[in-house]
């Protein structure tokens, strides 16, 4: 478990953070109960609030560089 985070700037990998939040938001839409006292009715905002509070169990893994970064391969052919 990571967090709590003060701001999005503290998150090690924004891509993975968004992925975790999106998966949690889908669970909330499916009927899961919020793990924090929500400030919003929107599932995405609630999931983000949960992740920032550090109540979601997730870890960031170091992987291949994102597209556009040095060393990333592009699937486009010229």
N, C-alpha and C. Protein backbone atom coordinates (compact mmCIF):
# COMPACT_ATOMS: atom_id res chain seq x y z
N UNK A 1 0.85 -1.17 0.00
CA UNK A 1 0.00 0.00 0.00
C UNK A 1 0.90 1.23 0.00
N UNK A 2 0.55 2.17 -0.83
CA UNK A 2 1.28 3.43 -0.89
C UNK A 2 0.38 4.56 -0.45
N UNK A 3 1.01 5.66 -0.11
CA UNK A 3 0.24 6.84 0.25
C UNK A 3 0.26 7.02 1.75
N UNK A 4 -0.37 7.96 2.27
CA UNK A 4 -1.13 8.97 1.56
C UNK A 4 -0.24 9.94 0.82
N UNK A 5 -0.75 10.49 -0.25
CA UNK A 5 -0.02 11.45 -1.06
C UNK A 5 -0.58 12.84 -0.79
N UNK A 6 0.31 13.81 -0.73
CA UNK A 6 -0.11 15.19 -0.51
C UNK A 6 -0.66 15.77 -1.80
N UNK A 7 -0.01 15.45 -2.91
CA UNK A 7 -0.48 15.93 -4.21
C UNK A 7 -0.12 14.91 -5.28
N UNK A 8 -0.64 15.11 -6.47
CA UNK A 8 -0.35 14.21 -7.59
C UNK A 8 1.13 14.24 -7.93
N UNK A 9 1.82 15.30 -7.58
CA UNK A 9 3.26 15.42 -7.84
C UNK A 9 4.06 14.38 -7.04
N UNK A 10 3.51 13.86 -5.94
CA UNK A 10 4.19 12.89 -5.10
C UNK A 10 4.05 11.45 -5.60
N UNK A 11 3.17 11.24 -6.56
CA UNK A 11 2.91 9.90 -7.08
C UNK A 11 4.07 9.46 -7.97
N UNK A 12 4.65 8.27 -7.70
CA UNK A 12 5.80 7.82 -8.49
C UNK A 12 5.50 7.63 -9.98
N UNK A 13 4.34 7.12 -10.31
CA UNK A 13 3.98 6.87 -11.71
C UNK A 13 2.55 7.32 -11.94
N UNK A 14 2.37 8.41 -12.65
CA UNK A 14 1.02 8.93 -12.89
C UNK A 14 0.20 7.97 -13.74
N UNK A 15 0.84 7.32 -14.70
CA UNK A 15 0.12 6.38 -15.56
C UNK A 15 -0.48 5.25 -14.72
N UNK A 16 0.33 4.65 -13.86
CA UNK A 16 -0.16 3.56 -13.03
C UNK A 16 -1.19 4.05 -12.02
N UNK A 17 -1.01 5.26 -11.52
CA UNK A 17 -1.98 5.85 -10.60
C UNK A 17 -3.35 5.97 -11.28
N UNK A 18 -3.36 6.48 -12.50
CA UNK A 18 -4.61 6.63 -13.26
C UNK A 18 -5.23 5.26 -13.51
N UNK A 19 -4.41 4.27 -13.80
CA UNK A 19 -4.91 2.91 -14.05
C UNK A 19 -5.58 2.35 -12.78
N UNK A 20 -4.94 2.51 -11.64
CA UNK A 20 -5.50 2.04 -10.37
C UNK A 20 -6.81 2.75 -10.06
N UNK A 21 -6.83 4.07 -10.24
CA UNK A 21 -8.03 4.86 -9.97
C UNK A 21 -9.17 4.43 -10.90
N UNK A 22 -8.87 4.21 -12.17
CA UNK A 22 -9.90 3.80 -13.12
C UNK A 22 -10.50 2.45 -12.75
N UNK A 23 -9.66 1.52 -12.35
CA UNK A 23 -10.16 0.19 -11.96
C UNK A 23 -11.04 0.29 -10.72
N UNK A 24 -10.61 1.11 -9.76
CA UNK A 24 -11.40 1.29 -8.54
C UNK A 24 -12.73 1.99 -8.84
N UNK A 25 -12.71 2.97 -9.75
CA UNK A 25 -13.93 3.68 -10.12
C UNK A 25 -14.95 2.71 -10.73
N UNK A 26 -14.47 1.76 -11.54
CA UNK A 26 -15.38 0.77 -12.12
C UNK A 26 -16.02 -0.09 -11.03
N UNK A 27 -15.25 -0.43 -10.01
CA UNK A 27 -15.80 -1.20 -8.89
C UNK A 27 -16.85 -0.39 -8.13
N UNK A 28 -16.57 0.89 -7.95
CA UNK A 28 -17.55 1.76 -7.27
C UNK A 28 -18.83 1.87 -8.09
N UNK A 29 -18.70 1.97 -9.41
CA UNK A 29 -19.88 2.02 -10.28
C UNK A 29 -20.67 0.73 -10.20
N UNK A 30 -19.97 -0.36 -9.95
CA UNK A 30 -20.61 -1.67 -9.85
C UNK A 30 -21.26 -1.94 -8.50
N UNK A 31 -21.14 -0.98 -7.57
CA UNK A 31 -21.82 -1.15 -6.28
C UNK A 31 -20.92 -1.24 -5.06
N UNK A 32 -19.60 -1.22 -5.25
CA UNK A 32 -18.70 -1.28 -4.10
C UNK A 32 -18.87 -0.02 -3.25
N UNK A 33 -18.69 -0.18 -1.96
CA UNK A 33 -18.83 0.95 -1.05
C UNK A 33 -17.52 1.72 -0.96
N UNK A 34 -17.59 3.05 -0.85
CA UNK A 34 -16.38 3.87 -0.71
C UNK A 34 -15.63 3.52 0.57
N UNK A 35 -14.31 3.59 0.52
CA UNK A 35 -13.46 3.31 1.67
C UNK A 35 -13.13 4.56 2.47
N UNK A 36 -13.56 5.71 1.99
CA UNK A 36 -13.38 6.99 2.67
C UNK A 36 -14.72 7.74 2.65
N UNK A 37 -14.81 8.78 3.46
CA UNK A 37 -16.00 9.62 3.40
C UNK A 37 -15.90 10.47 2.15
N UNK A 38 -16.73 10.20 1.15
CA UNK A 38 -16.57 10.89 -0.14
C UNK A 38 -16.97 12.37 -0.09
N UNK A 39 -16.21 13.17 -0.84
CA UNK A 39 -16.51 14.58 -1.01
C UNK A 39 -17.30 14.81 -2.29
N UNK A 40 -17.51 13.75 -3.06
CA UNK A 40 -18.15 13.86 -4.37
C UNK A 40 -19.05 12.65 -4.57
N UNK A 41 -19.96 12.74 -5.54
CA UNK A 41 -20.79 11.59 -5.90
C UNK A 41 -20.20 10.83 -7.07
N UNK A 42 -19.21 11.41 -7.73
CA UNK A 42 -18.64 10.80 -8.93
C UNK A 42 -17.66 9.69 -8.54
N UNK A 43 -17.83 8.49 -9.13
CA UNK A 43 -16.95 7.36 -8.78
C UNK A 43 -15.47 7.62 -9.03
N UNK A 44 -15.15 8.34 -10.09
CA UNK A 44 -13.75 8.61 -10.40
C UNK A 44 -13.12 9.49 -9.33
N UNK A 45 -13.85 10.50 -8.88
CA UNK A 45 -13.34 11.40 -7.84
C UNK A 45 -13.18 10.66 -6.52
N UNK A 46 -14.15 9.78 -6.20
CA UNK A 46 -14.07 9.01 -4.96
C UNK A 46 -12.86 8.08 -5.01
N UNK A 47 -12.65 7.41 -6.15
CA UNK A 47 -11.51 6.50 -6.30
C UNK A 47 -10.20 7.27 -6.17
N UNK A 48 -10.12 8.46 -6.76
CA UNK A 48 -8.92 9.27 -6.64
C UNK A 48 -8.69 9.67 -5.18
N UNK A 49 -9.76 10.03 -4.50
CA UNK A 49 -9.67 10.41 -3.09
C UNK A 49 -9.17 9.22 -2.25
N UNK A 50 -9.66 8.02 -2.55
CA UNK A 50 -9.21 6.82 -1.84
C UNK A 50 -7.73 6.56 -2.08
N UNK A 51 -7.30 6.68 -3.32
CA UNK A 51 -5.89 6.44 -3.64
C UNK A 51 -4.99 7.46 -2.97
N UNK A 52 -5.40 8.72 -3.00
CA UNK A 52 -4.59 9.77 -2.37
C UNK A 52 -4.53 9.60 -0.85
N UNK A 53 -5.58 9.04 -0.26
CA UNK A 53 -5.63 8.81 1.19
C UNK A 53 -4.80 7.60 1.60
N UNK A 54 -4.44 6.76 0.62
CA UNK A 54 -3.62 5.59 0.93
C UNK A 54 -4.39 4.39 1.41
N UNK A 55 -5.69 4.32 1.14
CA UNK A 55 -6.49 3.19 1.60
C UNK A 55 -6.62 2.08 0.56
N UNK A 56 -6.16 2.32 -0.67
CA UNK A 56 -6.18 1.27 -1.69
C UNK A 56 -4.88 0.49 -1.62
N UNK A 57 -4.97 -0.81 -1.80
CA UNK A 57 -3.79 -1.67 -1.75
C UNK A 57 -3.25 -1.83 -3.16
N UNK A 58 -2.19 -1.09 -3.48
CA UNK A 58 -1.56 -1.19 -4.79
C UNK A 58 -0.09 -0.84 -4.66
N UNK A 59 0.69 -1.31 -5.62
CA UNK A 59 2.12 -0.99 -5.66
C UNK A 59 2.47 -0.54 -7.07
N UNK A 60 3.46 0.32 -7.16
CA UNK A 60 3.94 0.76 -8.46
C UNK A 60 5.09 -0.13 -8.87
N UNK A 61 5.05 -0.60 -10.11
CA UNK A 61 6.14 -1.43 -10.63
C UNK A 61 6.89 -0.65 -11.68
N UNK A 62 8.19 -0.87 -11.70
CA UNK A 62 9.01 -0.21 -12.69
C UNK A 62 8.96 -1.04 -13.96
N UNK A 63 8.57 -0.41 -15.07
CA UNK A 63 8.41 -1.15 -16.31
C UNK A 63 9.11 -0.46 -17.46
N UNK A 64 8.68 -0.79 -18.64
CA UNK A 64 9.24 -0.20 -19.85
C UNK A 64 8.90 1.28 -19.91
N UNK A 65 9.75 2.08 -20.53
CA UNK A 65 9.45 3.51 -20.65
C UNK A 65 8.20 3.74 -21.48
N UNK A 66 7.51 4.81 -21.16
CA UNK A 66 6.29 5.14 -21.89
C UNK A 66 6.62 5.60 -23.30
N UNK A 67 5.64 5.49 -24.19
CA UNK A 67 5.83 5.91 -25.57
C UNK A 67 6.20 7.38 -25.59
N UNK A 68 7.18 7.73 -26.39
CA UNK A 68 7.64 9.11 -26.47
C UNK A 68 8.86 9.37 -25.61
N UNK A 69 9.14 8.48 -24.65
CA UNK A 69 10.32 8.63 -23.83
C UNK A 69 11.49 7.94 -24.49
N UNK A 70 12.68 8.30 -24.09
CA UNK A 70 13.89 7.70 -24.66
C UNK A 70 13.89 6.20 -24.42
N UNK A 71 14.13 5.44 -25.44
CA UNK A 71 14.18 3.99 -25.32
C UNK A 71 12.85 3.31 -25.62
N UNK A 72 11.80 4.08 -25.77
CA UNK A 72 10.49 3.50 -26.07
C UNK A 72 10.40 3.15 -27.55
N UNK A 73 9.79 2.03 -27.84
CA UNK A 73 9.60 1.64 -29.22
C UNK A 73 8.26 2.14 -29.71
N UNK A 74 8.21 2.54 -30.95
CA UNK A 74 6.97 3.02 -31.54
C UNK A 74 6.41 1.93 -32.44
N UNK A 75 5.07 1.80 -32.46
CA UNK A 75 4.45 0.79 -33.30
C UNK A 75 4.19 1.32 -34.71
N UNK A 76 4.44 2.61 -34.91
CA UNK A 76 4.21 3.20 -36.23
C UNK A 76 5.41 2.92 -37.14
N UNK A 77 5.12 2.64 -38.39
CA UNK A 77 6.16 2.39 -39.39
C UNK A 77 6.12 3.53 -40.40
N UNK A 78 7.27 3.95 -40.84
CA UNK A 78 7.33 5.02 -41.85
C UNK A 78 7.32 4.45 -43.23
